[in-house]
């Protein structure tokens, strides 16, 4: 019986994908500036709509935190309020996505 050689190497793929994810999230953030006070909520909801197709909830939440930090000078709300609004927007988006699934896709989800 022949054994196949196994070479253990560092998981460069994961490191590469994490770096790629950071670059992608920076591009996403650049598309959603909060230019004036009173526009944060609208920008956040619009961004959540796009991120819900690209990222999982936790990654999207980290991007929402970064959005807050980058635009803090034009935001009146607290970070906690911002993240609560993110959570509500994400839940709404998930509901919308689930409603769009076919019966076959729904059986796979459950």
PDB file of N, CA and C in Angstrom:
ATOM      1  N   UNK A   1       0.838  -1.179   0.000  1.00  0.00           N
ATOM      2  CA  UNK A   1       0.000   0.000   0.000  1.00  0.00           C
ATOM      3  C   UNK A   1       0.884   1.244   0.000  1.00  0.00           C
ATOM      4  N   UNK A   2       0.623   2.125  -0.938  1.00  0.00           N
ATOM      5  CA  UNK A   2       1.438   3.322  -1.082  1.00  0.00           C
ATOM      6  C   UNK A   2       0.882   4.444  -0.200  1.00  0.00           C
ATOM      7  N   UNK A   3       1.785   5.103   0.488  1.00  0.00           N
ATOM      8  CA  UNK A   3       1.386   6.251   1.303  1.00  0.00           C
ATOM      9  C   UNK A   3       1.601   7.521   0.492  1.00  0.00           C
ATOM     10  N   UNK A   4       0.676   8.429   0.649  1.00  0.00           N
ATOM     11  CA  UNK A   4       0.817   9.700  -0.045  1.00  0.00           C
ATOM     12  C   UNK A   4       1.583  10.670   0.842  1.00  0.00           C
ATOM     13  N   UNK A   5       2.522  11.378   0.262  1.00  0.00           N
ATOM     14  CA  UNK A   5       3.286  12.322   1.083  1.00  0.00           C
ATOM     15  C   UNK A   5       2.365  13.446   1.585  1.00  0.00           C
ATOM     16  N   UNK A   6       2.587  13.805   2.796  1.00  0.00           N
ATOM     17  CA  UNK A   6       1.807  14.878   3.396  1.00  0.00           C
ATOM     18  C   UNK A   6       2.774  15.917   3.940  1.00  0.00           C
ATOM     19  N   UNK A   7       2.666  17.095   3.422  1.00  0.00           N
ATOM     20  CA  UNK A   7       3.535  18.175   3.878  1.00  0.00           C
ATOM     21  C   UNK A   7       2.671  19.172   4.628  1.00  0.00           C
ATOM     22  N   UNK A   8       2.986  19.357   5.882  1.00  0.00           N
ATOM     23  CA  UNK A   8       2.218  20.308   6.683  1.00  0.00           C
ATOM     24  C   UNK A   8       2.780  21.706   6.459  1.00  0.00           C
ATOM     25  N   UNK A   9       1.914  22.591   6.034  1.00  0.00           N
ATOM     26  CA  UNK A   9       2.302  23.979   5.794  1.00  0.00           C
ATOM     27  C   UNK A   9       1.353  24.889   6.573  1.00  0.00           C
ATOM     28  N   UNK A  10       1.788  26.106   6.841  1.00  0.00           N
ATOM     29  CA  UNK A  10       0.888  27.036   7.509  1.00  0.00           C
ATOM     30  C   UNK A  10      -0.347  27.287   6.643  1.00  0.00           C
ATOM     31  N   UNK A  11      -1.427  27.631   7.281  1.00  0.00           N
ATOM     32  CA  UNK A  11      -2.669  27.883   6.561  1.00  0.00           C
ATOM     33  C   UNK A  11      -2.637  29.287   5.960  1.00  0.00           C
ATOM     34  N   UNK A  12      -1.924  29.437   4.872  1.00  0.00           N
ATOM     35  CA  UNK A  12      -1.805  30.732   4.215  1.00  0.00           C
ATOM     36  C   UNK A  12      -3.121  31.165   3.584  1.00  0.00           C
ATOM     37  N   UNK A  13      -3.942  30.200   3.208  1.00  0.00           N
ATOM     38  CA  UNK A  13      -5.218  30.519   2.587  1.00  0.00           C
ATOM     39  C   UNK A  13      -6.078  31.356   3.538  1.00  0.00           C
ATOM     40  N   UNK A  14      -6.170  30.942   4.793  1.00  0.00           N
ATOM     41  CA  UNK A  14      -6.982  31.686   5.763  1.00  0.00           C
ATOM     42  C   UNK A  14      -6.440  33.095   5.971  1.00  0.00           C
ATOM     43  N   UNK A  15      -5.115  33.198   6.071  1.00  0.00           N
ATOM     44  CA  UNK A  15      -4.515  34.524   6.242  1.00  0.00           C
ATOM     45  C   UNK A  15      -4.808  35.403   5.038  1.00  0.00           C
ATOM     46  N   UNK A  16      -4.708  34.830   3.846  1.00  0.00           N
ATOM     47  CA  UNK A  16      -4.970  35.567   2.610  1.00  0.00           C
ATOM     48  C   UNK A  16      -6.429  36.018   2.558  1.00  0.00           C
ATOM     49  N   UNK A  17      -7.347  35.126   2.920  1.00  0.00           N
ATOM     50  CA  UNK A  17      -8.760  35.457   2.863  1.00  0.00           C
ATOM     51  C   UNK A  17      -9.124  36.528   3.890  1.00  0.00           C
ATOM     52  N   UNK A  18      -8.505  36.483   5.072  1.00  0.00           N
ATOM     53  CA  UNK A  18      -8.768  37.528   6.064  1.00  0.00           C
ATOM     54  C   UNK A  18      -8.301  38.884   5.562  1.00  0.00           C
ATOM     55  N   UNK A  19      -7.115  38.927   4.958  1.00  0.00           N
ATOM     56  CA  UNK A  19      -6.592  40.184   4.416  1.00  0.00           C
ATOM     57  C   UNK A  19      -7.489  40.680   3.282  1.00  0.00           C
ATOM     58  N   UNK A  20      -7.937  39.760   2.437  1.00  0.00           N
ATOM     59  CA  UNK A  20      -8.837  40.129   1.352  1.00  0.00           C
ATOM     60  C   UNK A  20     -10.143  40.695   1.894  1.00  0.00           C
ATOM     61  N   UNK A  21     -10.640  40.082   2.956  1.00  0.00           N
ATOM     62  CA  UNK A  21     -11.871  40.556   3.585  1.00  0.00           C
ATOM     63  C   UNK A  21     -11.725  41.962   4.140  1.00  0.00           C
ATOM     64  N   UNK A  22     -10.572  42.245   4.744  1.00  0.00           N
ATOM     65  CA  UNK A  22     -10.326  43.595   5.273  1.00  0.00           C
ATOM     66  C   UNK A  22     -10.305  44.609   4.149  1.00  0.00           C
ATOM     67  N   UNK A  23      -9.635  44.278   3.042  1.00  0.00           N
ATOM     68  CA  UNK A  23      -9.583  45.206   1.909  1.00  0.00           C
ATOM     69  C   UNK A  23     -10.968  45.432   1.329  1.00  0.00           C
ATOM     70  N   UNK A  24     -11.743  44.358   1.243  1.00  0.00           N
ATOM     71  CA  UNK A  24     -13.089  44.490   0.706  1.00  0.00           C
ATOM     72  C   UNK A  24     -13.956  45.339   1.622  1.00  0.00           C
ATOM     73  N   UNK A  25     -13.828  45.138   2.929  1.00  0.00           N
ATOM     74  CA  UNK A  25     -14.648  45.923   3.851  1.00  0.00           C
ATOM     75  C   UNK A  25     -14.254  47.401   3.808  1.00  0.00           C
ATOM     76  N   UNK A  26     -12.980  47.698   3.599  1.00  0.00           N
ATOM     77  CA  UNK A  26     -12.562  49.104   3.456  1.00  0.00           C
ATOM     78  C   UNK A  26     -13.207  49.734   2.230  1.00  0.00           C
ATOM     79  N   UNK A  27     -13.270  48.969   1.141  1.00  0.00           N
ATOM     80  CA  UNK A  27     -13.926  49.477  -0.069  1.00  0.00           C
ATOM     81  C   UNK A  27     -15.402  49.714   0.192  1.00  0.00           C
ATOM     82  N   UNK A  28     -16.028  48.792   0.913  1.00  0.00           N
ATOM     83  CA  UNK A  28     -17.442  48.967   1.250  1.00  0.00           C
ATOM     84  C   UNK A  28     -17.644  50.214   2.091  1.00  0.00           C
ATOM     85  N   UNK A  29     -16.784  50.434   3.073  1.00  0.00           N
ATOM     86  CA  UNK A  29     -16.902  51.611   3.933  1.00  0.00           C
ATOM     87  C   UNK A  29     -16.732  52.905   3.145  1.00  0.00           C
ATOM     88  N   UNK A  30     -15.830  52.910   2.192  1.00  0.00           N
ATOM     89  CA  UNK A  30     -15.588  54.109   1.389  1.00  0.00           C
ATOM     90  C   UNK A  30     -16.828  54.502   0.586  1.00  0.00           C
ATOM     91  N   UNK A  31     -17.667  53.524   0.296  1.00  0.00           N
ATOM     92  CA  UNK A  31     -18.884  53.792  -0.477  1.00  0.00           C
ATOM     93  C   UNK A  31     -20.003  54.368   0.382  1.00  0.00           C
ATOM     94  N   UNK A  32     -19.821  54.380   1.692  1.00  0.00           N
ATOM     95  CA  UNK A  32     -20.880  54.819   2.605  1.00  0.00           C
ATOM     96  C   UNK A  32     -20.389  55.876   3.596  1.00  0.00           C
ATOM     97  N   UNK A  33     -19.983  57.023   3.097  1.00  0.00           N
ATOM     98  CA  UNK A  33     -19.567  58.072   4.037  1.00  0.00           C
ATOM     99  C   UNK A  33     -20.782  58.706   4.719  1.00  0.00           C
ATOM    100  N   UNK A  34     -20.605  59.105   5.942  1.00  0.00           N
ATOM    101  CA  UNK A  34     -21.645  59.853   6.659  1.00  0.00           C
ATOM    102  C   UNK A  34     -21.183  61.298   6.647  1.00  0.00           C
ATOM    103  N   UNK A  35     -21.693  62.056   5.685  1.00  0.00           N
ATOM    104  CA  UNK A  35     -21.170  63.393   5.436  1.00  0.00           C
ATOM    105  C   UNK A  35     -21.750  64.466   6.358  1.00  0.00           C
ATOM    106  N   UNK A  36     -22.946  64.229   6.867  1.00  0.00           N
ATOM    107  CA  UNK A  36     -23.531  65.238   7.762  1.00  0.00           C
ATOM    108  C   UNK A  36     -24.366  64.581   8.850  1.00  0.00           C
ATOM    109  N   UNK A  37     -24.546  65.310   9.921  1.00  0.00           N
ATOM    110  CA  UNK A  37     -25.332  64.808  11.048  1.00  0.00           C
ATOM    111  C   UNK A  37     -26.763  64.540  10.590  1.00  0.00           C
ATOM    112  N   UNK A  38     -27.330  63.489  11.158  1.00  0.00           N
ATOM    113  CA  UNK A  38     -28.707  63.150  10.827  1.00  0.00           C
ATOM    114  C   UNK A  38     -28.859  62.181   9.668  1.00  0.00           C
ATOM    115  N   UNK A  39     -27.749  61.748   9.074  1.00  0.00           N
ATOM    116  CA  UNK A  39     -27.830  60.823   7.928  1.00  0.00           C
ATOM    117  C   UNK A  39     -27.307  59.425   8.263  1.00  0.00           C
ATOM    118  N   UNK A  40     -26.814  59.228   9.472  1.00  0.00           N
ATOM    119  CA  UNK A  40     -26.192  57.964   9.844  1.00  0.00           C
ATOM    120  C   UNK A  40     -27.119  56.771   9.687  1.00  0.00           C
ATOM    121  N   UNK A  41     -28.346  56.878  10.171  1.00  0.00           N
ATOM    122  CA  UNK A  41     -29.272  55.743  10.127  1.00  0.00           C
ATOM    123  C   UNK A  41     -29.537  55.302   8.682  1.00  0.00           C
ATOM    124  N   UNK A  42     -29.808  56.249   7.818  1.00  0.00           N
ATOM    125  CA  UNK A  42     -30.067  55.918   6.409  1.00  0.00           C
ATOM    126  C   UNK A  42     -28.872  55.259   5.744  1.00  0.00           C
ATOM    127  N   UNK A  43     -27.688  55.775   6.033  1.00  0.00           N
ATOM    128  CA  UNK A  43     -26.463  55.193   5.481  1.00  0.00           C
ATOM    129  C   UNK A  43     -26.265  53.778   6.022  1.00  0.00           C
ATOM    130  N   UNK A  44     -26.483  53.600   7.313  1.00  0.00           N
ATOM    131  CA  UNK A  44     -26.321  52.284   7.935  1.00  0.00           C
ATOM    132  C   UNK A  44     -27.266  51.253   7.311  1.00  0.00           C
ATOM    133  N   UNK A  45     -28.525  51.608   7.167  1.00  0.00           N
ATOM    134  CA  UNK A  45     -29.506  50.666   6.613  1.00  0.00           C
ATOM    135  C   UNK A  45     -29.164  50.307   5.171  1.00  0.00           C
ATOM    136  N   UNK A  46     -28.763  51.285   4.405  1.00  0.00           N
ATOM    137  CA  UNK A  46     -28.371  51.027   3.012  1.00  0.00           C
ATOM    138  C   UNK A  46     -27.156  50.091   2.968  1.00  0.00           C
ATOM    139  N   UNK A  47     -26.185  50.350   3.834  1.00  0.00           N
ATOM    140  CA  UNK A  47     -24.989  49.514   3.876  1.00  0.00           C
ATOM    141  C   UNK A  47     -25.330  48.088   4.314  1.00  0.00           C
ATOM    142  N   UNK A  48     -26.196  47.931   5.297  1.00  0.00           N
ATOM    143  CA  UNK A  48     -26.601  46.597   5.750  1.00  0.00           C
ATOM    144  C   UNK A  48     -27.250  45.832   4.608  1.00  0.00           C
ATOM    145  N   UNK A  49     -28.052  46.515   3.803  1.00  0.00           N
ATOM    146  CA  UNK A  49     -28.673  45.867   2.652  1.00  0.00           C
ATOM    147  C   UNK A  49     -27.654  45.258   1.709  1.00  0.00           C
ATOM    148  N   UNK A  50     -26.577  45.976   1.474  1.00  0.00           N
ATOM    149  CA  UNK A  50     -25.524  45.457   0.596  1.00  0.00           C
ATOM    150  C   UNK A  50     -24.685  44.382   1.287  1.00  0.00           C
ATOM    151  N   UNK A  51     -24.315  44.627   2.536  1.00  0.00           N
ATOM    152  CA  UNK A  51     -23.451  43.686   3.248  1.00  0.00           C
ATOM    153  C   UNK A  51     -24.134  42.339   3.472  1.00  0.00           C
ATOM    154  N   UNK A  52     -25.452  42.341   3.570  1.00  0.00           N
ATOM    155  CA  UNK A  52     -26.162  41.087   3.839  1.00  0.00           C
ATOM    156  C   UNK A  52     -25.992  40.082   2.700  1.00  0.00           C
ATOM    157  N   UNK A  53     -25.620  40.545   1.530  1.00  0.00           N
ATOM    158  CA  UNK A  53     -25.351  39.640   0.401  1.00  0.00           C
ATOM    159  C   UNK A  53     -23.889  39.215   0.330  1.00  0.00           C
ATOM    160  N   UNK A  54     -23.018  39.912   1.042  1.00  0.00           N
ATOM    161  CA  UNK A  54     -21.579  39.664   0.919  1.00  0.00           C
ATOM    162  C   UNK A  54     -20.950  38.993   2.131  1.00  0.00           C
ATOM    163  N   UNK A  55     -21.478  39.279   3.332  1.00  0.00           N
ATOM    164  CA  UNK A  55     -20.829  38.849   4.562  1.00  0.00           C
ATOM    165  C   UNK A  55     -21.829  38.201   5.496  1.00  0.00           C
ATOM    166  N   UNK A  56     -21.318  37.480   6.463  1.00  0.00           N
ATOM    167  CA  UNK A  56     -22.141  36.990   7.552  1.00  0.00           C
ATOM    168  C   UNK A  56     -22.395  38.117   8.539  1.00  0.00           C
ATOM    169  N   UNK A  57     -23.264  37.839   9.500  1.00  0.00           N
ATOM    170  CA  UNK A  57     -23.676  38.864  10.457  1.00  0.00           C
ATOM    171  C   UNK A  57     -22.521  39.449  11.256  1.00  0.00           C
ATOM    172  N   UNK A  58     -21.653  38.609  11.782  1.00  0.00           N
ATOM    173  CA  UNK A  58     -20.567  39.104  12.638  1.00  0.00           C
ATOM    174  C   UNK A  58     -19.590  39.986  11.855  1.00  0.00           C
ATOM    175  N   UNK A  59     -19.229  39.572  10.649  1.00  0.00           N
ATOM    176  CA  UNK A  59     -18.319  40.391   9.828  1.00  0.00           C
ATOM    177  C   UNK A  59     -18.986  41.721   9.479  1.00  0.00           C
ATOM    178  N   UNK A  60     -20.263  41.675   9.128  1.00  0.00           N
ATOM    179  CA  UNK A  60     -20.983  42.904   8.790  1.00  0.00           C
ATOM    180  C   UNK A  60     -21.095  43.828  10.012  1.00  0.00           C
ATOM    181  N   UNK A  61     -21.261  43.237  11.193  1.00  0.00           N
ATOM    182  CA  UNK A  61     -21.355  44.038  12.423  1.00  0.00           C
ATOM    183  C   UNK A  61     -20.023  44.753  12.710  1.00  0.00           C
ATOM    184  N   UNK A  62     -18.914  44.044  12.464  1.00  0.00           N
ATOM    185  CA  UNK A  62     -17.595  44.684  12.643  1.00  0.00           C
ATOM    186  C   UNK A  62     -17.422  45.838  11.651  1.00  0.00           C
ATOM    187  N   UNK A  63     -17.921  45.676  10.444  1.00  0.00           N
ATOM    188  CA  UNK A  63     -17.850  46.751   9.446  1.00  0.00           C
ATOM    189  C   UNK A  63     -18.711  47.931   9.906  1.00  0.00           C
ATOM    190  N   UNK A  64     -19.871  47.645  10.477  1.00  0.00           N
ATOM    191  CA  UNK A  64     -20.739  48.717  10.998  1.00  0.00           C
ATOM    192  C   UNK A  64     -20.044  49.467  12.138  1.00  0.00           C
ATOM    193  N   UNK A  65     -19.312  48.738  12.992  1.00  0.00           N
ATOM    194  CA  UNK A  65     -18.544  49.402  14.059  1.00  0.00           C
ATOM    195  C   UNK A  65     -17.487  50.313  13.462  1.00  0.00           C
ATOM    196  N   UNK A  66     -16.819  49.823  12.439  1.00  0.00           N
ATOM    197  CA  UNK A  66     -15.781  50.634  11.791  1.00  0.00           C
ATOM    198  C   UNK A  66     -16.390  51.861  11.120  1.00  0.00           C
ATOM    199  N   UNK A  67     -17.565  51.709  10.531  1.00  0.00           N
ATOM    200  CA  UNK A  67     -18.276  52.847   9.943  1.00  0.00           C
ATOM    201  C   UNK A  67     -18.495  53.924  11.001  1.00  0.00           C
ATOM    202  N   UNK A  68     -18.903  53.497  12.179  1.00  0.00           N
ATOM    203  CA  UNK A  68     -19.123  54.434  13.283  1.00  0.00           C
ATOM    204  C   UNK A  68     -17.823  55.146  13.649  1.00  0.00           C
ATOM    205  N   UNK A  69     -16.774  54.371  13.829  1.00  0.00           N
ATOM    206  CA  UNK A  69     -15.491  54.965  14.254  1.00  0.00           C
ATOM    207  C   UNK A  69     -14.933  55.946  13.220  1.00  0.00           C
ATOM    208  N   UNK A  70     -15.052  55.598  11.954  1.00  0.00           N
ATOM    209  CA  UNK A  70     -14.515  56.470  10.904  1.00  0.00           C
ATOM    210  C   UNK A  70     -15.294  57.766  10.758  1.00  0.00           C
ATOM    211  N   UNK A  71     -16.559  57.756  11.142  1.00  0.00           N
ATOM    212  CA  UNK A  71     -17.419  58.921  10.941  1.00  0.00           C
ATOM    213  C   UNK A  71     -17.899  59.531  12.255  1.00  0.00           C
ATOM    214  N   UNK A  72     -17.210  59.248  13.332  1.00  0.00           N
ATOM    215  CA  UNK A  72     -17.640  59.659  14.665  1.00  0.00           C
ATOM    216  C   UNK A  72     -17.862  61.178  14.775  1.00  0.00           C
ATOM    217  N   UNK A  73     -17.101  61.963  14.037  1.00  0.00           N
ATOM    218  CA  UNK A  73     -17.222  63.422  14.137  1.00  0.00           C
ATOM    219  C   UNK A  73     -18.562  63.929  13.599  1.00  0.00           C
ATOM    220  N   UNK A  74     -19.250  63.134  12.765  1.00  0.00           N
ATOM    221  CA  UNK A  74     -20.548  63.568  12.234  1.00  0.00           C
ATOM    222  C   UNK A  74     -21.711  62.740  12.782  1.00  0.00           C
ATOM    223  N   UNK A  75     -21.459  61.964  13.836  1.00  0.00           N
ATOM    224  CA  UNK A  75     -22.495  61.099  14.407  1.00  0.00           C
ATOM    225  C   UNK A  75     -22.838  61.573  15.814  1.00  0.00           C
ATOM    226  N   UNK A  76     -24.131  61.704  16.074  1.00  0.00           N
ATOM    227  CA  UNK A  76     -24.588  62.127  17.398  1.00  0.00           C
ATOM    228  C   UNK A  76     -24.938  60.942  18.290  1.00  0.00           C
ATOM    229  N   UNK A  77     -25.287  59.808  17.698  1.00  0.00           N
ATOM    230  CA  UNK A  77     -25.704  58.619  18.451  1.00  0.00           C
ATOM    231  C   UNK A  77     -24.509  57.940  19.103  1.00  0.00           C
ATOM    232  N   UNK A  78     -24.806  57.129  20.122  1.00  0.00           N
ATOM    233  CA  UNK A  78     -23.746  56.342  20.750  1.00  0.00           C
ATOM    234  C   UNK A  78     -23.465  55.097  19.905  1.00  0.00           C
ATOM    235  N   UNK A  79     -22.320  54.490  20.145  1.00  0.00           N
ATOM    236  CA  UNK A  79     -21.981  53.251  19.445  1.00  0.00           C
ATOM    237  C   UNK A  79     -22.999  52.161  19.779  1.00  0.00           C
ATOM    238  N   UNK A  80     -23.442  52.097  21.030  1.00  0.00           N
ATOM    239  CA  UNK A  80     -24.444  51.096  21.418  1.00  0.00           C
ATOM    240  C   UNK A  80     -25.734  51.263  20.617  1.00  0.00           C
ATOM    241  N   UNK A  81     -26.197  52.504  20.470  1.00  0.00           N
ATOM    242  CA  UNK A  81     -27.405  52.757  19.671  1.00  0.00           C
ATOM    243  C   UNK A  81     -27.188  52.379  18.213  1.00  0.00           C
ATOM    244  N   UNK A  82     -26.022  52.709  17.704  1.00  0.00           N
ATOM    245  CA  UNK A  82     -25.667  52.391  16.319  1.00  0.00           C
ATOM    246  C   UNK A  82     -25.726  50.872  16.096  1.00  0.00           C
ATOM    247  N   UNK A  83     -25.164  50.123  17.029  1.00  0.00           N
ATOM    248  CA  UNK A  83     -25.140  48.662  16.879  1.00  0.00           C
ATOM    249  C   UNK A  83     -26.523  48.048  17.097  1.00  0.00           C
ATOM    250  N   UNK A  84     -27.337  48.641  17.960  1.00  0.00           N
ATOM    251  CA  UNK A  84     -28.716  48.174  18.107  1.00  0.00           C
ATOM    252  C   UNK A  84     -29.492  48.374  16.805  1.00  0.00           C
ATOM    253  N   UNK A  85     -29.253  49.496  16.160  1.00  0.00           N
ATOM    254  CA  UNK A  85     -29.898  49.744  14.867  1.00  0.00           C
ATOM    255  C   UNK A  85     -29.364  48.804  13.797  1.00  0.00           C
ATOM    256  N   UNK A  86     -28.073  48.486  13.866  1.00  0.00           N
ATOM    257  CA  UNK A  86     -27.525  47.484  12.950  1.00  0.00           C
ATOM    258  C   UNK A  86     -28.247  46.153  13.145  1.00  0.00           C
ATOM    259  N   UNK A  87     -28.372  45.725  14.408  1.00  0.00           N
ATOM    260  CA  UNK A  87     -29.027  44.447  14.709  1.00  0.00           C
ATOM    261  C   UNK A  87     -30.453  44.406  14.160  1.00  0.00           C
ATOM    262  N   UNK A  88     -31.191  45.501  14.329  1.00  0.00           N
ATOM    263  CA  UNK A  88     -32.566  45.561  13.826  1.00  0.00           C
ATOM    264  C   UNK A  88     -32.590  45.514  12.291  1.00  0.00           C
ATOM    265  N   UNK A  89     -31.685  46.256  11.661  1.00  0.00           N
ATOM    266  CA  UNK A  89     -31.628  46.263  10.195  1.00  0.00           C
ATOM    267  C   UNK A  89     -31.235  44.881   9.669  1.00  0.00           C
ATOM    268  N   UNK A  90     -30.292  44.236  10.340  1.00  0.00           N
ATOM    269  CA  UNK A  90     -29.853  42.899   9.914  1.00  0.00           C
ATOM    270  C   UNK A  90     -31.010  41.894  10.032  1.00  0.00           C
ATOM    271  N   UNK A  91     -31.739  41.956  11.147  1.00  0.00           N
ATOM    272  CA  UNK A  91     -32.873  41.042  11.334  1.00  0.00           C
ATOM    273  C   UNK A  91     -33.925  41.271  10.251  1.00  0.00           C
ATOM    274  N   UNK A  92     -34.175  42.524   9.917  1.00  0.00           N
ATOM    275  CA  UNK A  92     -35.125  42.835   8.848  1.00  0.00           C
ATOM    276  C   UNK A  92     -34.666  42.319   7.500  1.00  0.00           C
ATOM    277  N   UNK A  93     -33.370  42.465   7.221  1.00  0.00           N
ATOM    278  CA  UNK A  93     -32.810  41.975   5.961  1.00  0.00           C
ATOM    279  C   UNK A  93     -32.905  40.458   5.885  1.00  0.00           C
ATOM    280  N   UNK A  94     -32.613  39.798   6.996  1.00  0.00           N
ATOM    281  CA  UNK A  94     -32.684  38.330   7.022  1.00  0.00           C
ATOM    282  C   UNK A  94     -34.111  37.872   6.742  1.00  0.00           C
ATOM    283  N   UNK A  95     -35.078  38.561   7.350  1.00  0.00           N
ATOM    284  CA  UNK A  95     -36.482  38.231   7.116  1.00  0.00           C
ATOM    285  C   UNK A  95     -36.823  38.372   5.632  1.00  0.00           C
ATOM    286  N   UNK A  96     -36.343  39.434   5.020  1.00  0.00           N
ATOM    287  CA  UNK A  96     -36.575  39.671   3.593  1.00  0.00           C
ATOM    288  C   UNK A  96     -35.948  38.565   2.755  1.00  0.00           C
ATOM    289  N   UNK A  97     -34.698  38.205   3.073  1.00  0.00           N
ATOM    290  CA  UNK A  97     -34.012  37.158   2.314  1.00  0.00           C
ATOM    291  C   UNK A  97     -34.725  35.816   2.456  1.00  0.00           C
ATOM    292  N   UNK A  98     -35.152  35.481   3.650  1.00  0.00           N
ATOM    293  CA  UNK A  98     -35.845  34.202   3.884  1.00  0.00           C
ATOM    294  C   UNK A  98     -37.161  34.180   3.116  1.00  0.00           C
ATOM    295  N   UNK A  99     -37.859  35.310   3.074  1.00  0.00           N
ATOM    296  CA  UNK A  99     -39.131  35.386   2.351  1.00  0.00           C
ATOM    297  C   UNK A  99     -38.952  35.163   0.848  1.00  0.00           C
ATOM    298  N   UNK A 100     -37.756  35.446   0.332  1.00  0.00           N
ATOM    299  CA  UNK A 100     -37.482  35.289  -1.101  1.00  0.00           C
ATOM    300  C   UNK A 100     -37.107  33.859  -1.482  1.00  0.00           C
ATOM    301  N   UNK A 101     -36.891  32.989  -0.501  1.00  0.00           N
ATOM    302  CA  UNK A 101     -36.461  31.617  -0.788  1.00  0.00           C
ATOM    303  C   UNK A 101     -37.608  30.761  -1.324  1.00  0.00           C
ATOM    304  N   UNK A 102     -37.241  29.811  -2.180  1.00  0.00           N
ATOM    305  CA  UNK A 102     -38.212  28.856  -2.689  1.00  0.00           C
ATOM    306  C   UNK A 102     -38.513  27.830  -1.600  1.00  0.00           C
ATOM    307  N   UNK A 103     -39.597  27.065  -1.734  1.00  0.00           N
ATOM    308  CA  UNK A 103     -39.893  26.034  -0.740  1.00  0.00           C
ATOM    309  C   UNK A 103     -38.742  25.029  -0.574  1.00  0.00           C
ATOM    310  N   UNK A 104     -38.078  24.669  -1.670  1.00  0.00           N
ATOM    311  CA  UNK A 104     -36.941  23.759  -1.590  1.00  0.00           C
ATOM    312  C   UNK A 104     -35.794  24.350  -0.797  1.00  0.00           C
ATOM    313  N   UNK A 105     -35.528  25.634  -1.034  1.00  0.00           N
ATOM    314  CA  UNK A 105     -34.446  26.298  -0.300  1.00  0.00           C
ATOM    315  C   UNK A 105     -34.789  26.425   1.192  1.00  0.00           C
ATOM    316  N   UNK A 106     -36.055  26.662   1.476  1.00  0.00           N
ATOM    317  CA  UNK A 106     -36.483  26.768   2.875  1.00  0.00           C
ATOM    318  C   UNK A 106     -36.266  25.465   3.636  1.00  0.00           C
ATOM    319  N   UNK A 107     -36.493  24.323   2.974  1.00  0.00           N
ATOM    320  CA  UNK A 107     -36.273  23.040   3.660  1.00  0.00           C
ATOM    321  C   UNK A 107     -34.799  22.860   3.978  1.00  0.00           C
ATOM    322  N   UNK A 108     -33.917  23.371   3.144  1.00  0.00           N
ATOM    323  CA  UNK A 108     -32.478  23.278   3.413  1.00  0.00           C
ATOM    324  C   UNK A 108     -32.074  24.195   4.571  1.00  0.00           C
ATOM    325  N   UNK A 109     -32.746  25.309   4.691  1.00  0.00           N
ATOM    326  CA  UNK A 109     -32.435  26.276   5.737  1.00  0.00           C
ATOM    327  C   UNK A 109     -32.829  25.756   7.108  1.00  0.00           C
ATOM    328  N   UNK A 110     -33.913  25.014   7.161  1.00  0.00           N
ATOM    329  CA  UNK A 110     -34.422  24.543   8.450  1.00  0.00           C
ATOM    330  C   UNK A 110     -33.916  23.218   8.818  1.00  0.00           C
TER     331      UNK A 110
END
